[in-house]
Amino acid sequence: MNALQSLFNAITVIFIAVTMFAAGLATTVSALRAVFTDLRLPVLALLANLVAIPLLGWGVAVLFALPAAGFVALILVAASPGGPFGAKLSVVQKGDVSAGTAMQVLLAALASLTFGPMSTAILTVADVGTTVSLDVAALVWTVAILQLVPFGIGLVVRHYAHSTAHSWHPVAVLVSNVTFMMVLVGMLLGNWHDVAALLGSRTLLAGFVLAVVAFAVGALLATGPSARRTTMGSIAAVRNAGPPLAAVGIAFDGSQAILGALAAVLISGLAAALPIAAVLGHRRDDATT
């Protein structure tokens, strides 16, 4: 069991690091700079993703009276914006892909620093029915190292060796996708009894509701045409699995119950975000034909 847990932890680290490395390889300094041409867009996006949605996640957890594991999982997910799949949904919905990709990367990078303090503050104030003790410094340091360093390396490679970045990017994306599936399967199979117990539970519904609410908040707190607003909605709806996985290992000693709840929240969130993007993409296809 210890060997399997060590393997799971290693795959999780690879997933987080490679995902951010791939993001760096696909990002240009000019694209990041372009996000700030209209300062209202990044300011509103940061407000929505780093403040409003974590607090709304807390509200959803209280509203559904989630058990301790589900409560913790939902807060960790709500406090972690910048999921890579959000950028993919901007393609699915025929939205503003360049703005969506740049914002996803920006959110993931900044959340490396804000995730620990925000999730800790909410879990400390909230009554989750269990003792919560988070080492904020260790959490911030670990998440920042796992996300910012690989992203920075990828960004440097893209800037100084464009052809190399172009050839490495598909491989990095493939590794990211495969390791994400391995992590997801590991969470489901390794905690199957906890996940099975959540079927039909309020935790699954809470994850679904959080994604829908996050989409609405992200779209409302955005500027520009409809395509850009809905793109910001998809970016907000898909949270980043990396920091919550790191937090469970660091602060909750790899709790099987929280990992199971985390898998449930992530899956139900994707189940909400993907159809929204698909419907938007279908409508935009119809509008152009």
C-alpha atoms as a PDB file:
ATOM      1  CA  MET A   1       0.000   0.000   0.000  1.00  0.00           C
ATOM      2  CA  ASN A   2       2.864   2.372   0.833  1.00  0.00           C
ATOM      3  CA  ALA A   3       4.453   1.601  -2.535  1.00  0.00           C
ATOM      4  CA  LEU A   4       1.189   2.384  -4.334  1.00  0.00           C
ATOM      5  CA  GLN A   5       0.803   5.628  -2.384  1.00  0.00           C
ATOM      6  CA  SER A   6       4.363   6.620  -3.269  1.00  0.00           C
ATOM      7  CA  LEU A   7       3.665   5.849  -6.937  1.00  0.00           C
ATOM      8  CA  PHE A   8       0.466   7.912  -6.812  1.00  0.00           C
ATOM      9  CA  ASN A   9       2.348  10.825  -5.237  1.00  0.00           C
ATOM     10  CA  ALA A  10       5.082  10.623  -7.882  1.00  0.00           C
ATOM     11  CA  ILE A  11       2.547  10.618 -10.736  1.00  0.00           C
ATOM     12  CA  THR A  12       0.755  13.569  -9.121  1.00  0.00           C
ATOM     13  CA  VAL A  13       3.990  15.574  -8.990  1.00  0.00           C
ATOM     14  CA  ILE A  14       4.717  14.723 -12.637  1.00  0.00           C
ATOM     15  CA  PHE A  15       1.189  15.763 -13.649  1.00  0.00           C
ATOM     16  CA  ILE A  16       1.413  19.149 -11.907  1.00  0.00           C
ATOM     17  CA  ALA A  17       4.915  19.967 -13.142  1.00  0.00           C
ATOM     18  CA  VAL A  18       4.449  18.788 -16.743  1.00  0.00           C
ATOM     19  CA  THR A  19       1.090  20.549 -17.054  1.00  0.00           C
ATOM     20  CA  MET A  20       2.644  23.886 -16.134  1.00  0.00           C
ATOM     21  CA  PHE A  21       5.708  23.175 -18.286  1.00  0.00           C
ATOM     22  CA  ALA A  22       3.395  22.570 -21.260  1.00  0.00           C
ATOM     23  CA  ALA A  23       1.586  25.823 -20.473  1.00  0.00           C
ATOM     24  CA  GLY A  24       4.906  27.658 -20.515  1.00  0.00           C
ATOM     25  CA  LEU A  25       5.891  26.098 -23.833  1.00  0.00           C
ATOM     26  CA  ALA A  26       2.625  27.312 -25.366  1.00  0.00           C
ATOM     27  CA  THR A  27       2.771  30.840 -23.944  1.00  0.00           C
ATOM     28  CA  THR A  28       4.514  33.883 -25.324  1.00  0.00           C
ATOM     29  CA  VAL A  29       5.481  36.966 -23.372  1.00  0.00           C
ATOM     30  CA  SER A  30       3.521  39.047 -25.874  1.00  0.00           C
ATOM     31  CA  ALA A  31       0.371  36.973 -25.228  1.00  0.00           C
ATOM     32  CA  LEU A  32       0.680  37.533 -21.491  1.00  0.00           C
ATOM     33  CA  ARG A  33       1.315  41.221 -22.089  1.00  0.00           C
ATOM     34  CA  ALA A  34      -1.754  41.429 -24.328  1.00  0.00           C
ATOM     35  CA  VAL A  35      -3.980  40.371 -21.436  1.00  0.00           C
ATOM     36  CA  PHE A  36      -3.084  43.617 -19.708  1.00  0.00           C
ATOM     37  CA  THR A  37      -3.969  45.903 -22.625  1.00  0.00           C
ATOM     38  CA  ASP A  38      -7.410  46.240 -21.020  1.00  0.00           C
ATOM     39  CA  LEU A  39      -6.619  46.244 -17.311  1.00  0.00           C
ATOM     40  CA  ARG A  40     -10.252  45.716 -16.400  1.00  0.00           C
ATOM     41  CA  LEU A  41     -10.209  42.180 -17.814  1.00  0.00           C
ATOM     42  CA  PRO A  42      -7.396  40.735 -15.655  1.00  0.00           C
ATOM     43  CA  VAL A  43      -8.492  42.702 -12.581  1.00  0.00           C
ATOM     44  CA  LEU A  44     -12.058  41.408 -12.840  1.00  0.00           C
ATOM     45  CA  ALA A  45     -10.861  37.879 -13.638  1.00  0.00           C
ATOM     46  CA  LEU A  46      -8.558  37.875 -10.616  1.00  0.00           C
ATOM     47  CA  LEU A  47     -11.370  39.187  -8.417  1.00  0.00           C
ATOM     48  CA  ALA A  48     -13.725  36.492  -9.694  1.00  0.00           C
ATOM     49  CA  ASN A  49     -11.324  33.561  -9.481  1.00  0.00           C
ATOM     50  CA  LEU A  50      -9.168  34.375  -6.469  1.00  0.00           C
ATOM     51  CA  VAL A  51     -11.803  35.948  -4.215  1.00  0.00           C
ATOM     52  CA  ALA A  52     -15.428  35.558  -5.310  1.00  0.00           C
ATOM     53  CA  ILE A  53     -15.432  31.887  -6.331  1.00  0.00           C
ATOM     54  CA  PRO A  54     -13.564  30.610  -3.231  1.00  0.00           C
ATOM     55  CA  LEU A  55     -16.077  32.468  -1.054  1.00  0.00           C
ATOM     56  CA  LEU A  56     -18.976  31.156  -3.143  1.00  0.00           C
ATOM     57  CA  GLY A  57     -17.507  27.663  -2.770  1.00  0.00           C
ATOM     58  CA  TRP A  58     -17.675  28.139   0.978  1.00  0.00           C
ATOM     59  CA  GLY A  59     -21.292  29.228   0.618  1.00  0.00           C
ATOM     60  CA  VAL A  60     -22.163  26.183  -1.512  1.00  0.00           C
ATOM     61  CA  ALA A  61     -20.487  23.855   1.002  1.00  0.00           C
ATOM     62  CA  VAL A  62     -22.519  25.389   3.830  1.00  0.00           C
ATOM     63  CA  LEU A  63     -25.726  25.411   1.768  1.00  0.00           C
ATOM     64  CA  PHE A  64     -25.456  21.683   1.053  1.00  0.00           C
ATOM     65  CA  ALA A  65     -24.267  20.913   4.605  1.00  0.00           C
ATOM     66  CA  LEU A  66     -21.395  18.828   3.243  1.00  0.00           C
ATOM     67  CA  PRO A  67     -19.583  16.329   5.462  1.00  0.00           C
ATOM     68  CA  ALA A  68     -16.020  17.195   6.479  1.00  0.00           C
ATOM     69  CA  ALA A  69     -14.285  15.445   3.541  1.00  0.00           C
ATOM     70  CA  GLY A  70     -16.625  16.940   0.950  1.00  0.00           C
ATOM     71  CA  PHE A  71     -16.427  20.375   2.569  1.00  0.00           C
ATOM     72  CA  VAL A  72     -12.620  20.371   2.503  1.00  0.00           C
ATOM     73  CA  ALA A  73     -12.498  19.063  -1.085  1.00  0.00           C
ATOM     74  CA  LEU A  74     -14.922  21.709  -2.353  1.00  0.00           C
ATOM     75  CA  ILE A  75     -13.015  24.549  -0.665  1.00  0.00           C
ATOM     76  CA  LEU A  76      -9.676  23.312  -2.037  1.00  0.00           C
ATOM     77  CA  VAL A  77     -11.094  23.134  -5.559  1.00  0.00           C
ATOM     78  CA  ALA A  78     -12.838  26.514  -5.290  1.00  0.00           C
ATOM     79  CA  ALA A  79      -9.588  28.175  -4.179  1.00  0.00           C
ATOM     80  CA  SER A  80      -7.604  26.745  -7.106  1.00  0.00           C
ATOM     81  CA  PRO A  81      -8.263  28.465 -10.469  1.00  0.00           C
ATOM     82  CA  GLY A  82      -6.409  27.962 -13.719  1.00  0.00           C
ATOM     83  CA  GLY A  83      -7.257  24.391 -14.719  1.00  0.00           C
ATOM     84  CA  PRO A  84      -5.644  23.598 -18.117  1.00  0.00           C
ATOM     85  CA  PHE A  85      -8.871  22.043 -19.411  1.00  0.00           C
ATOM     86  CA  GLY A  86     -10.470  25.493 -19.220  1.00  0.00           C
ATOM     87  CA  ALA A  87      -8.315  26.652 -22.121  1.00  0.00           C
ATOM     88  CA  LYS A  88      -9.444  23.600 -24.106  1.00  0.00           C
ATOM     89  CA  LEU A  89     -13.075  24.512 -23.461  1.00  0.00           C
ATOM     90  CA  SER A  90     -12.452  27.918 -25.035  1.00  0.00           C
ATOM     91  CA  VAL A  91     -11.720  26.010 -28.250  1.00  0.00           C
ATOM     92  CA  VAL A  92     -14.806  23.798 -27.842  1.00  0.00           C
ATOM     93  CA  GLN A  93     -17.093  26.818 -27.442  1.00  0.00           C
ATOM     94  CA  LYS A  94     -15.456  28.723 -30.357  1.00  0.00           C
ATOM     95  CA  GLY A  95     -14.572  31.499 -27.937  1.00  0.00           C
ATOM     96  CA  ASP A  96     -11.635  33.882 -27.509  1.00  0.00           C
ATOM     97  CA  VAL A  97      -8.923  31.220 -27.405  1.00  0.00           C
ATOM     98  CA  SER A  98      -5.917  33.524 -27.065  1.00  0.00           C
ATOM     99  CA  ALA A  99      -7.415  35.481 -24.165  1.00  0.00           C
ATOM    100  CA  GLY A 100      -8.609  32.271 -22.520  1.00  0.00           C
ATOM    101  CA  THR A 101      -5.243  30.551 -22.741  1.00  0.00           C
ATOM    102  CA  ALA A 102      -3.348  33.568 -21.432  1.00  0.00           C
ATOM    103  CA  MET A 103      -5.796  34.045 -18.546  1.00  0.00           C
ATOM    104  CA  GLN A 104      -5.666  30.356 -17.603  1.00  0.00           C
ATOM    105  CA  VAL A 105      -1.890  30.507 -17.367  1.00  0.00           C
ATOM    106  CA  LEU A 106      -1.959  33.779 -15.416  1.00  0.00           C
ATOM    107  CA  LEU A 107      -4.492  32.408 -12.926  1.00  0.00           C
ATOM    108  CA  ALA A 108      -2.606  29.154 -12.424  1.00  0.00           C
ATOM    109  CA  ALA A 109       0.622  31.039 -11.792  1.00  0.00           C
ATOM    110  CA  LEU A 110      -0.849  33.552  -9.332  1.00  0.00           C
ATOM    111  CA  ALA A 111      -2.900  30.878  -7.567  1.00  0.00           C
ATOM    112  CA  SER A 112       0.368  29.157  -6.705  1.00  0.00           C
ATOM    113  CA  LEU A 113       0.789  31.983  -4.198  1.00  0.00           C
ATOM    114  CA  THR A 114      -2.836  32.600  -3.165  1.00  0.00           C
ATOM    115  CA  PHE A 115      -4.152  29.028  -2.894  1.00  0.00           C
ATOM    116  CA  GLY A 116      -2.563  28.259   0.470  1.00  0.00           C
ATOM    117  CA  PRO A 117      -3.606  31.427   2.322  1.00  0.00           C
ATOM    118  CA  MET A 118      -7.135  31.491   0.866  1.00  0.00           C
ATOM    119  CA  SER A 119      -7.977  27.824   1.474  1.00  0.00           C
ATOM    120  CA  THR A 120      -6.410  27.977   4.931  1.00  0.00           C
ATOM    121  CA  ALA A 121      -8.359  31.093   5.887  1.00  0.00           C
ATOM    122  CA  ILE A 122     -11.697  29.605   4.829  1.00  0.00           C
ATOM    123  CA  LEU A 123     -11.099  26.203   6.436  1.00  0.00           C
ATOM    124  CA  THR A 124      -9.897  27.853   9.642  1.00  0.00           C
ATOM    125  CA  VAL A 125     -12.972  30.067   9.943  1.00  0.00           C
ATOM    126  CA  ALA A 126     -15.461  27.436   8.757  1.00  0.00           C
ATOM    127  CA  ASP A 127     -16.707  24.723  11.069  1.00  0.00           C
ATOM    128  CA  VAL A 128     -15.898  21.591   9.060  1.00  0.00           C
ATOM    129  CA  GLY A 129     -16.400  19.169  11.915  1.00  0.00           C
ATOM    130  CA  THR A 130     -12.752  18.154  12.045  1.00  0.00           C
ATOM    131  CA  THR A 131      -9.463  19.681  13.115  1.00  0.00           C
ATOM    132  CA  VAL A 132      -7.761  21.513  10.256  1.00  0.00           C
ATOM    133  CA  SER A 133      -4.101  22.396  10.558  1.00  0.00           C
ATOM    134  CA  LEU A 134      -2.442  23.716   7.421  1.00  0.00           C
ATOM    135  CA  ASP A 135       1.194  24.721   7.143  1.00  0.00           C
ATOM    136  CA  VAL A 136       0.589  27.715   4.886  1.00  0.00           C
ATOM    137  CA  ALA A 137       4.271  28.387   4.237  1.00  0.00           C
ATOM    138  CA  ALA A 138       4.960  24.783   3.222  1.00  0.00           C
ATOM    139  CA  LEU A 139       1.837  24.708   1.069  1.00  0.00           C
ATOM    140  CA  VAL A 140       2.666  27.955  -0.734  1.00  0.00           C
ATOM    141  CA  TRP A 141       6.291  26.921  -1.207  1.00  0.00           C
ATOM    142  CA  THR A 142       5.448  23.454  -2.558  1.00  0.00           C
ATOM    143  CA  VAL A 143       2.711  24.620  -4.926  1.00  0.00           C
ATOM    144  CA  ALA A 144       4.828  27.529  -6.163  1.00  0.00           C
ATOM    145  CA  ILE A 145       7.801  25.253  -6.853  1.00  0.00           C
ATOM    146  CA  LEU A 146       5.650  22.643  -8.606  1.00  0.00           C
ATOM    147  CA  GLN A 147       3.865  25.218 -10.773  1.00  0.00           C
ATOM    148  CA  LEU A 148       5.912  28.387 -11.193  1.00  0.00           C
ATOM    149  CA  VAL A 149       9.319  26.805 -11.832  1.00  0.00           C
ATOM    150  CA  PRO A 150       8.161  24.449 -14.637  1.00  0.00           C
ATOM    151  CA  PHE A 151       6.074  27.248 -16.143  1.00  0.00           C
ATOM    152  CA  GLY A 152       9.032  29.629 -16.053  1.00  0.00           C
ATOM    153  CA  ILE A 153      11.300  27.059 -17.699  1.00  0.00           C
ATOM    154  CA  GLY A 154       8.735  26.434 -20.430  1.00  0.00           C
ATOM    155  CA  LEU A 155       8.301  30.165 -20.994  1.00  0.00           C
ATOM    156  CA  VAL A 156      12.068  30.652 -21.338  1.00  0.00           C
ATOM    157  CA  VAL A 157      12.346  27.756 -23.797  1.00  0.00           C
ATOM    158  CA  ARG A 158       9.464  29.201 -25.852  1.00  0.00           C
ATOM    159  CA  HIS A 159      11.074  32.651 -25.875  1.00  0.00           C
ATOM    160  CA  TYR A 160      14.631  31.622 -26.770  1.00  0.00           C
ATOM    161  CA  ALA A 161      14.112  28.341 -28.659  1.00  0.00           C
ATOM    162  CA  HIS A 162      10.773  28.526 -30.430  1.00  0.00           C
ATOM    163  CA  SER A 163      11.329  25.454 -32.618  1.00  0.00           C
ATOM    164  CA  THR A 164      12.310  23.364 -29.604  1.00  0.00           C
ATOM    165  CA  ALA A 165       9.227  24.511 -27.706  1.00  0.00           C
ATOM    166  CA  HIS A 166       7.078  23.711 -30.737  1.00  0.00           C
ATOM    167  CA  SER A 167       8.413  20.142 -30.911  1.00  0.00           C
ATOM    168  CA  TRP A 168       8.281  19.520 -27.153  1.00  0.00           C
ATOM    169  CA  HIS A 169       4.794  20.921 -26.567  1.00  0.00           C
ATOM    170  CA  PRO A 170       2.731  18.020 -28.014  1.00  0.00           C
ATOM    171  CA  VAL A 171       4.748  15.525 -25.956  1.00  0.00           C
ATOM    172  CA  ALA A 172       4.302  17.583 -22.792  1.00  0.00           C
ATOM    173  CA  VAL A 173       0.555  17.874 -23.407  1.00  0.00           C
ATOM    174  CA  LEU A 174       0.309  14.117 -23.968  1.00  0.00           C
ATOM    175  CA  VAL A 175       2.180  13.387 -20.728  1.00  0.00           C
ATOM    176  CA  SER A 176      -0.034  15.898 -18.914  1.00  0.00           C
ATOM    177  CA  ASN A 177      -3.235  14.298 -20.234  1.00  0.00           C
ATOM    178  CA  VAL A 178      -2.071  10.743 -19.508  1.00  0.00           C
ATOM    179  CA  THR A 179      -0.871  11.521 -15.990  1.00  0.00           C
ATOM    180  CA  PHE A 180      -4.101  13.429 -15.271  1.00  0.00           C
ATOM    181  CA  MET A 181      -6.109  10.356 -16.242  1.00  0.00           C
ATOM    182  CA  MET A 182      -3.812   8.187 -14.116  1.00  0.00           C
ATOM    183  CA  VAL A 183      -4.277  10.502 -11.133  1.00  0.00           C
ATOM    184  CA  LEU A 184      -8.040  10.553 -11.636  1.00  0.00           C
ATOM    185  CA  VAL A 185      -8.212   6.760 -11.961  1.00  0.00           C
ATOM    186  CA  GLY A 186      -5.937   6.425  -8.941  1.00  0.00           C
ATOM    187  CA  MET A 187      -8.235   8.626  -6.872  1.00  0.00           C
ATOM    188  CA  LEU A 188     -11.291   6.675  -8.007  1.00  0.00           C
ATOM    189  CA  LEU A 189      -9.883   3.152  -7.623  1.00  0.00           C
ATOM    190  CA  GLY A 190      -7.787   3.851  -4.556  1.00  0.00           C
ATOM    191  CA  ASN A 191     -10.784   5.336  -2.794  1.00  0.00           C
ATOM    192  CA  TRP A 192     -13.570   3.462  -4.550  1.00  0.00           C
ATOM    193  CA  HIS A 193     -15.527   2.842  -1.347  1.00  0.00           C
ATOM    194  CA  ASP A 194     -15.453   6.560  -0.510  1.00  0.00           C
ATOM    195  CA  VAL A 195     -16.408   7.523  -4.070  1.00  0.00           C
ATOM    196  CA  ALA A 196     -19.191   4.911  -4.185  1.00  0.00           C
ATOM    197  CA  ALA A 197     -20.561   6.322  -0.954  1.00  0.00           C
ATOM    198  CA  LEU A 198     -20.727   9.738  -2.644  1.00  0.00           C
ATOM    199  CA  LEU A 199     -22.913   8.541  -5.549  1.00  0.00           C
ATOM    200  CA  GLY A 200     -26.161  10.455  -5.311  1.00  0.00           C
ATOM    201  CA  SER A 201     -24.695  12.516  -2.498  1.00  0.00           C
ATOM    202  CA  ARG A 202     -24.699  16.256  -1.919  1.00  0.00           C
ATOM    203  CA  THR A 203     -20.949  16.401  -2.626  1.00  0.00           C
ATOM    204  CA  LEU A 204     -21.407  15.523  -6.304  1.00  0.00           C
ATOM    205  CA  LEU A 205     -24.253  18.016  -6.605  1.00  0.00           C
ATOM    206  CA  ALA A 206     -22.207  20.697  -4.831  1.00  0.00           C
ATOM    207  CA  GLY A 207     -19.319  20.221  -7.282  1.00  0.00           C
ATOM    208  CA  PHE A 208     -21.743  20.558 -10.197  1.00  0.00           C
ATOM    209  CA  VAL A 209     -23.355  23.687  -8.742  1.00  0.00           C
ATOM    210  CA  LEU A 210     -19.959  25.261  -7.996  1.00  0.00           C
ATOM    211  CA  ALA A 211     -18.900  24.862 -11.645  1.00  0.00           C
ATOM    212  CA  VAL A 212     -22.147  26.414 -12.928  1.00  0.00           C
ATOM    213  CA  VAL A 213     -21.908  29.321 -10.477  1.00  0.00           C
ATOM    214  CA  ALA A 214     -18.218  29.806 -11.323  1.00  0.00           C
ATOM    215  CA  PHE A 215     -19.056  29.971 -15.036  1.00  0.00           C
ATOM    216  CA  ALA A 216     -21.697  32.629 -14.370  1.00  0.00           C
ATOM    217  CA  VAL A 217     -19.383  34.697 -12.163  1.00  0.00           C
ATOM    218  CA  GLY A 218     -16.479  34.412 -14.603  1.00  0.00           C
ATOM    219  CA  ALA A 219     -18.673  35.505 -17.521  1.00  0.00           C
ATOM    220  CA  LEU A 220     -20.301  38.375 -15.621  1.00  0.00           C
ATOM    221  CA  LEU A 221     -17.002  39.707 -14.274  1.00  0.00           C
ATOM    222  CA  ALA A 222     -15.434  40.048 -17.710  1.00  0.00           C
ATOM    223  CA  THR A 223     -15.190  42.663 -20.414  1.00  0.00           C
ATOM    224  CA  GLY A 224     -15.503  42.602 -24.174  1.00  0.00           C
ATOM    225  CA  PRO A 225     -17.770  40.713 -26.589  1.00  0.00           C
ATOM    226  CA  SER A 226     -19.857  37.663 -25.759  1.00  0.00           C
ATOM    227  CA  ALA A 227     -17.206  35.206 -26.981  1.00  0.00           C
ATOM    228  CA  ARG A 228     -14.647  36.616 -24.565  1.00  0.00           C
ATOM    229  CA  ARG A 229     -17.108  36.702 -21.655  1.00  0.00           C
ATOM    230  CA  THR A 230     -18.154  33.082 -22.063  1.00  0.00           C
ATOM    231  CA  THR A 231     -14.507  32.104 -22.472  1.00  0.00           C
ATOM    232  CA  MET A 232     -13.751  33.701 -19.097  1.00  0.00           C
ATOM    233  CA  GLY A 233     -16.730  31.742 -17.775  1.00  0.00           C
ATOM    234  CA  SER A 234     -15.243  28.436 -18.912  1.00  0.00           C
ATOM    235  CA  ILE A 235     -11.845  29.384 -17.491  1.00  0.00           C
ATOM    236  CA  ALA A 236     -13.501  30.096 -14.134  1.00  0.00           C
ATOM    237  CA  ALA A 237     -15.592  26.913 -14.172  1.00  0.00           C
ATOM    238  CA  VAL A 238     -12.611  24.561 -14.552  1.00  0.00           C
ATOM    239  CA  ARG A 239     -10.433  24.594 -11.460  1.00  0.00           C
ATOM    240  CA  ASN A 240      -6.837  23.388 -11.209  1.00  0.00           C
ATOM    241  CA  ALA A 241      -6.467  19.911  -9.664  1.00  0.00           C
ATOM    242  CA  GLY A 242      -2.752  20.301  -8.897  1.00  0.00           C
ATOM    243  CA  PRO A 243      -2.766  22.483  -5.758  1.00  0.00           C
ATOM    244  CA  PRO A 244      -5.633  20.576  -4.062  1.00  0.00           C
ATOM    245  CA  LEU A 245      -3.804  17.288  -4.664  1.00  0.00           C
ATOM    246  CA  ALA A 246      -0.647  18.766  -3.167  1.00  0.00           C
ATOM    247  CA  ALA A 247      -2.627  20.120  -0.217  1.00  0.00           C
ATOM    248  CA  VAL A 248      -4.182  16.732   0.561  1.00  0.00           C
ATOM    249  CA  GLY A 249      -0.731  15.180   0.664  1.00  0.00           C
ATOM    250  CA  ILE A 250       0.853  17.960   2.721  1.00  0.00           C
ATOM    251  CA  ALA A 251      -1.899  19.053   5.086  1.00  0.00           C
ATOM    252  CA  PHE A 252      -4.205  16.036   5.306  1.00  0.00           C
ATOM    253  CA  ASP A 253      -1.717  13.159   5.200  1.00  0.00           C
ATOM    254  CA  GLY A 254      -3.151  11.812   1.957  1.00  0.00           C
ATOM    255  CA  SER A 255      -6.634  11.358   3.456  1.00  0.00           C
ATOM    256  CA  GLN A 256      -8.471   8.740   1.401  1.00  0.00           C
ATOM    257  CA  ALA A 257     -11.857  10.279   2.198  1.00  0.00           C
ATOM    258  CA  ILE A 258     -10.774  13.737   0.999  1.00  0.00           C
ATOM    259  CA  LEU A 259      -9.147  12.288  -2.138  1.00  0.00           C
ATOM    260  CA  GLY A 260     -12.382  10.466  -2.938  1.00  0.00           C
ATOM    261  CA  ALA A 261     -14.414  13.631  -2.412  1.00  0.00           C
ATOM    262  CA  LEU A 262     -11.891  15.601  -4.477  1.00  0.00           C
ATOM    263  CA  ALA A 263     -12.307  13.189  -7.391  1.00  0.00           C
ATOM    264  CA  ALA A 264     -16.083  13.505  -7.125  1.00  0.00           C
ATOM    265  CA  VAL A 265     -15.979  17.320  -7.103  1.00  0.00           C
ATOM    266  CA  LEU A 266     -13.582  17.487 -10.068  1.00  0.00           C
ATOM    267  CA  ILE A 267     -15.606  15.029 -12.164  1.00  0.00           C
ATOM    268  CA  SER A 268     -18.962  16.678 -11.419  1.00  0.00           C
ATOM    269  CA  GLY A 269     -17.428  20.076 -12.204  1.00  0.00           C
ATOM    270  CA  LEU A 270     -16.269  18.873 -15.619  1.00  0.00           C
ATOM    271  CA  ALA A 271     -19.709  17.325 -16.160  1.00  0.00           C
ATOM    272  CA  ALA A 272     -21.162  20.821 -15.788  1.00  0.00           C
ATOM    273  CA  ALA A 273     -18.542  22.827 -17.687  1.00  0.00           C
ATOM    274  CA  LEU A 274     -18.198  20.642 -20.802  1.00  0.00           C
ATOM    275  CA  PRO A 275     -21.877  20.680 -21.910  1.00  0.00           C
ATOM    276  CA  ILE A 276     -22.040  24.465 -21.457  1.00  0.00           C
ATOM    277  CA  ALA A 277     -19.045  24.909 -23.777  1.00  0.00           C
ATOM    278  CA  ALA A 278     -20.434  22.378 -26.264  1.00  0.00           C
ATOM    279  CA  VAL A 279     -23.797  24.160 -26.472  1.00  0.00           C
ATOM    280  CA  LEU A 280     -22.093  27.528 -26.969  1.00  0.00           C
ATOM    281  CA  GLY A 281     -19.879  26.080 -29.705  1.00  0.00           C
ATOM    282  CA  HIS A 282     -22.883  24.538 -31.470  1.00  0.00           C
ATOM    283  CA  ARG A 283     -24.765  27.844 -31.388  1.00  0.00           C
ATOM    284  CA  ARG A 284     -21.787  29.724 -32.799  1.00  0.00           C
ATOM    285  CA  ASP A 285     -21.427  27.147 -35.570  1.00  0.00           C
ATOM    286  CA  ASP A 286     -25.095  27.660 -36.458  1.00  0.00           C
ATOM    287  CA  ALA A 287     -24.630  31.430 -36.442  1.00  0.00           C
ATOM    288  CA  THR A 288     -21.818  31.241 -39.004  1.00  0.00           C
ATOM    289  CA  THR A 289     -23.629  28.901 -41.422  1.00  0.00           C
END
